[in-house]
Amino acid sequence: MFDNHYEVFLADTRESKEINYSIRYKTYCEEMGFENKDNFPRAQEFDDHDQHSAHFIVRHKPTGQWVGAIRLIFQNDQALPIVQFCNLQEQISKNNIKPAVELSRLCVLKDVRRKGIVDIAPNNDSTYNNKTTHATERKQSLHSHNKTNRSIIWGLFNAVTEYCYSNNIETWYFITTTSLAKVLRKGGCNIMNIGEPCSHNGERYPFKKDVVDTYLNEGWRKNYKNSYRVFSELEPQ
């Protein structure tokens, strides 16, 4: 269960935001090559949107390793990035009473995506180098790693759901791949496509999601009880 092994934090300090940026750098610059690492000499990936965003990070409890991140971009005086990249079938209204946000920079570190973490998924790279390993064991290991990856994504979605609901945010918007959209829908997250695919680090589609509907969806949220903590309230180690 996610809550037994991981915890999500709202990054409300400089230190915690830099953890978010570092995870993004490792994912988008080093692992995927979506961003030019030369543009980020401090090994932290960030942009102008971070000035008006809420940031979240995930920690693996037993090891203290930071393994995932996401941010919520607020409209403020400018349009959300989804408007820039996609041809939408509807307008995104600027409603100060019930504002909208864009989910962005959702990422889980490669070592967690591909190997899992030792006490969660015991098999590691040596499993694949052992000639005596059976195909069924490799399949079980891959399934375990995929399950860990999905669990972290859902844990982050649960945290931002709580945050949005508490802050009277009505709608999420986000751009994602069809593969992640399938994972979300299969897990009970009813997302709505609102436009044609766009080219943004590969083919991606624009979606929106009603926050209240997500908040009330016990189909998957019942497995994520702890929501998130605030980083500034974390006791010094």
Protein backbone atom coordinates (compact mmCIF):
# COMPACT_ATOMS: atom_id res chain seq x y z
CA MET A 1 0.00 0.00 0.00
CA PHE A 2 1.33 3.44 -0.96
CA ASP A 3 0.93 4.99 2.49
CA ASN A 4 3.05 2.26 4.07
CA HIS A 5 6.07 3.02 1.91
CA TYR A 6 5.79 6.57 0.56
CA GLU A 7 4.76 10.04 1.63
CA VAL A 8 3.98 13.17 -0.40
CA PHE A 9 5.03 16.67 0.63
CA LEU A 10 3.88 20.11 -0.48
CA ALA A 11 7.17 21.84 -1.27
CA ASP A 12 6.74 25.17 0.49
CA THR A 13 10.39 26.05 1.11
CA ARG A 14 13.37 26.82 -1.10
CA GLU A 15 15.01 23.53 -0.12
CA SER A 16 11.97 21.43 -0.98
CA LYS A 17 11.38 23.22 -4.28
CA GLU A 18 14.98 22.54 -5.22
CA ILE A 19 14.33 18.84 -4.55
CA ASN A 20 11.44 19.10 -7.03
CA TYR A 21 13.68 20.81 -9.60
CA SER A 22 16.44 18.21 -9.08
CA ILE A 23 14.08 15.30 -9.70
CA ARG A 24 12.89 17.04 -12.85
CA TYR A 25 16.48 17.61 -14.00
CA LYS A 26 17.32 13.94 -13.59
CA THR A 27 14.17 12.92 -15.45
CA TYR A 28 13.83 15.48 -18.24
CA CYS A 29 17.49 16.39 -18.83
CA GLU A 30 19.53 13.30 -18.00
CA GLU A 31 17.13 10.42 -18.56
CA MET A 32 14.80 11.56 -21.34
CA GLY A 33 16.72 14.39 -22.99
CA PHE A 34 13.60 16.57 -23.29
CA GLU A 35 15.50 19.58 -21.94
CA ASN A 36 19.08 20.70 -22.58
CA LYS A 37 21.09 20.06 -19.44
CA ASP A 38 23.52 22.85 -20.39
CA ASN A 39 20.74 25.33 -19.62
CA PHE A 40 20.69 24.19 -15.99
CA PRO A 41 24.24 24.30 -14.55
CA ARG A 42 22.93 23.79 -11.01
CA ALA A 43 21.35 20.46 -12.07
CA GLN A 44 17.87 21.82 -11.36
CA GLU A 45 15.28 22.08 -14.13
CA PHE A 46 12.87 25.01 -13.77
CA ASP A 47 11.13 27.68 -15.83
CA ASP A 48 9.07 30.84 -15.47
CA HIS A 49 5.93 28.87 -14.59
CA ASP A 50 7.49 27.78 -11.30
CA GLN A 51 7.04 31.28 -9.94
CA HIS A 52 3.28 30.71 -9.82
CA SER A 53 3.06 26.98 -9.15
CA ALA A 54 2.49 24.62 -6.23
CA HIS A 55 5.12 21.88 -6.06
CA PHE A 56 4.91 18.37 -4.64
CA ILE A 57 7.57 15.73 -4.00
CA VAL A 58 7.43 12.05 -2.96
CA ARG A 59 9.75 10.38 -0.49
CA HIS A 60 10.39 6.68 0.04
CA LYS A 61 10.00 6.28 3.81
CA PRO A 62 12.49 3.46 4.56
CA THR A 63 15.38 4.97 2.58
CA GLY A 64 14.55 8.69 2.64
CA GLN A 65 15.03 8.81 -1.14
CA TRP A 66 13.09 11.43 -3.09
CA VAL A 67 11.59 9.58 -6.03
CA GLY A 68 8.88 11.65 -7.75
CA ALA A 69 7.49 15.12 -8.35
CA ILE A 70 4.65 17.13 -9.86
CA ARG A 71 3.60 20.78 -10.00
CA LEU A 72 0.34 22.69 -10.37
CA ILE A 73 0.56 25.81 -12.54
CA PHE A 74 -1.83 28.64 -11.73
CA GLN A 75 -3.18 30.95 -14.40
CA ASN A 76 -2.51 34.28 -12.70
CA ASP A 77 -2.31 36.95 -15.40
CA GLN A 78 -1.23 34.60 -18.17
CA ALA A 79 -2.73 31.63 -19.96
CA LEU A 80 -1.89 28.08 -18.95
CA PRO A 81 0.80 26.34 -21.07
CA ILE A 82 -1.80 23.92 -22.48
CA VAL A 83 -3.28 26.84 -24.43
CA GLN A 84 0.08 27.49 -26.05
CA PHE A 85 0.76 23.90 -27.10
CA CYS A 86 -2.68 22.58 -28.01
CA ASN A 87 -5.63 23.46 -30.20
CA LEU A 88 -8.42 23.15 -27.63
CA GLN A 89 -12.08 22.51 -28.29
CA GLU A 90 -13.08 24.82 -25.45
CA GLN A 91 -11.84 27.97 -23.78
CA ILE A 92 -10.30 27.96 -20.34
CA SER A 93 -12.04 30.69 -18.40
CA LYS A 94 -10.26 32.83 -15.85
CA ASN A 95 -12.45 32.37 -12.82
CA ASN A 96 -10.91 33.82 -9.67
CA ILE A 97 -13.57 32.22 -7.46
CA LYS A 98 -13.06 28.69 -8.77
CA PRO A 99 -9.73 28.79 -10.60
CA ALA A 100 -8.26 26.16 -12.88
CA VAL A 101 -4.73 24.76 -12.78
CA GLU A 102 -2.53 22.72 -15.08
CA LEU A 103 -0.83 19.56 -13.88
CA SER A 104 2.74 19.58 -15.14
CA ARG A 105 6.15 17.94 -14.75
CA LEU A 106 4.81 14.66 -13.40
CA CYS A 107 7.84 12.42 -13.08
CA VAL A 108 9.20 9.33 -11.31
CA LEU A 109 12.94 8.64 -11.31
CA LYS A 110 14.18 6.03 -13.76
CA ASP A 111 15.69 3.75 -11.10
CA VAL A 112 12.28 3.49 -9.47
CA ARG A 113 10.44 3.08 -12.78
CA ARG A 114 12.73 0.31 -13.98
CA LYS A 115 14.15 -1.37 -10.90
CA GLY A 116 11.82 -0.59 -8.05
CA ILE A 117 13.20 -0.03 -4.54
CA VAL A 118 14.80 -2.92 -2.73
CA ASP A 119 12.39 -3.39 0.14
CA ILE A 120 9.37 -2.95 -2.16
CA ALA A 121 10.53 -5.02 -5.14
CA PRO A 122 13.41 -7.29 -4.06
CA ASN A 123 14.61 -8.03 -7.59
CA ASN A 124 17.21 -5.65 -8.99
CA ASP A 125 19.54 -5.49 -11.98
CA SER A 126 21.45 -8.58 -10.88
CA THR A 127 18.24 -10.52 -11.47
CA TYR A 128 18.50 -9.87 -15.18
CA ASN A 129 22.19 -10.82 -15.31
CA ASN A 130 21.65 -14.18 -13.61
CA LYS A 131 21.44 -16.86 -16.29
CA THR A 132 19.46 -19.10 -13.97
CA THR A 133 16.63 -16.62 -13.61
CA HIS A 134 13.38 -17.92 -15.05
CA ALA A 135 11.24 -15.90 -17.42
CA THR A 136 8.37 -15.97 -14.93
CA GLU A 137 10.58 -14.31 -12.31
CA ARG A 138 11.58 -11.56 -14.74
CA LYS A 139 7.93 -11.02 -15.62
CA GLN A 140 6.97 -10.80 -11.94
CA SER A 141 9.79 -8.30 -11.36
CA LEU A 142 8.66 -6.10 -14.26
CA HIS A 143 5.09 -6.23 -12.98
CA SER A 144 6.27 -5.20 -9.52
CA HIS A 145 8.23 -2.24 -10.91
CA ASN A 146 5.32 -1.07 -13.05
CA LYS A 147 3.04 -1.37 -10.04
CA THR A 148 5.42 0.78 -7.98
CA ASN A 149 5.52 3.42 -10.73
CA ARG A 150 1.73 3.55 -10.98
CA SER A 151 1.40 3.67 -7.21
CA ILE A 152 3.62 6.76 -6.98
CA ILE A 153 1.69 8.48 -9.78
CA TRP A 154 -1.60 7.78 -8.02
CA GLY A 155 -0.14 9.00 -4.72
CA LEU A 156 0.77 12.30 -6.36
CA PHE A 157 -2.66 12.59 -7.96
CA ASN A 158 -4.26 11.96 -4.59
CA ALA A 159 -2.19 14.72 -3.00
CA VAL A 160 -3.02 17.31 -5.64
CA THR A 161 -6.68 16.30 -5.42
CA GLU A 162 -6.70 17.13 -1.71
CA TYR A 163 -4.84 20.38 -2.34
CA CYS A 164 -7.13 21.51 -5.15
CA TYR A 165 -10.32 20.63 -3.29
CA SER A 166 -9.13 22.46 -0.17
CA ASN A 167 -8.24 25.54 -2.23
CA ASN A 168 -11.51 25.66 -4.17
CA ILE A 169 -9.84 24.79 -7.48
CA GLU A 170 -12.48 23.48 -9.83
CA THR A 171 -10.67 21.92 -12.79
CA TRP A 172 -7.36 20.33 -13.72
CA TYR A 173 -5.92 20.57 -17.20
CA PHE A 174 -2.96 18.58 -18.41
CA ILE A 175 -1.16 17.29 -21.51
CA THR A 176 -0.16 13.64 -21.50
CA THR A 177 0.43 10.55 -23.59
CA THR A 178 -2.28 8.07 -24.48
CA SER A 179 -0.48 5.42 -22.41
CA LEU A 180 -0.71 7.42 -19.19
CA ALA A 181 -4.29 8.41 -20.03
CA LYS A 182 -5.14 4.70 -20.27
CA VAL A 183 -3.55 4.04 -16.88
CA LEU A 184 -5.60 6.82 -15.31
CA ARG A 185 -8.85 5.72 -16.89
CA LYS A 186 -8.24 2.10 -16.01
CA GLY A 187 -7.70 3.16 -12.42
CA GLY A 188 -11.01 4.99 -12.29
CA CYS A 189 -9.97 8.55 -13.12
CA ASN A 190 -12.54 9.84 -15.61
CA ILE A 191 -10.54 12.31 -17.72
CA MET A 192 -11.97 14.10 -20.74
CA ASN A 193 -10.11 14.75 -23.97
CA ILE A 194 -10.56 18.36 -25.07
CA GLY A 195 -8.55 18.65 -28.27
CA GLU A 196 -6.42 17.18 -31.00
CA PRO A 197 -2.96 15.74 -30.34
CA CYS A 198 -0.04 18.13 -30.26
CA SER A 199 3.70 17.65 -30.64
CA HIS A 200 5.29 18.35 -27.28
CA ASN A 201 8.12 15.95 -26.43
CA GLY A 202 6.28 13.42 -28.57
CA GLU A 203 2.59 13.12 -29.35
CA ARG A 204 0.41 14.20 -26.45
CA TYR A 205 -3.26 14.97 -25.91
CA PRO A 206 -4.96 17.68 -23.86
CA PHE A 207 -7.27 16.55 -21.06
CA LYS A 208 -9.30 18.05 -18.26
CA LYS A 209 -10.66 16.64 -15.00
CA ASP A 210 -13.27 17.84 -12.55
CA VAL A 211 -11.70 18.20 -9.10
CA VAL A 212 -14.83 17.51 -7.05
CA ASP A 213 -15.57 14.36 -9.04
CA THR A 214 -12.03 13.19 -8.40
CA TYR A 215 -12.17 14.07 -4.71
CA LEU A 216 -15.36 12.03 -4.24
CA ASN A 217 -14.05 9.03 -6.18
CA GLU A 218 -13.51 6.41 -3.49
CA GLY A 219 -12.83 3.82 -6.18
CA TRP A 220 -9.13 4.60 -5.96
CA ARG A 221 -8.74 7.29 -3.30
CA LYS A 222 -9.68 4.87 -0.51
CA ASN A 223 -6.21 3.36 -0.90
CA TYR A 224 -4.47 6.71 -0.30
CA LYS A 225 -5.44 8.00 3.13
CA ASN A 226 -2.53 10.22 4.14
CA SER A 227 -2.85 12.91 1.45
CA TYR A 228 0.24 15.11 1.86
CA ARG A 229 2.37 16.82 4.48
CA VAL A 230 3.87 20.29 4.38
CA PHE A 231 7.65 20.20 4.01
CA SER A 232 8.29 23.14 6.36
CA GLU A 233 6.63 21.15 9.14
CA LEU A 234 9.04 18.23 8.67
CA GLU A 235 11.16 17.65 11.75
CA PRO A 236 14.93 18.17 11.19
CA GLN A 237 16.85 14.93 10.76
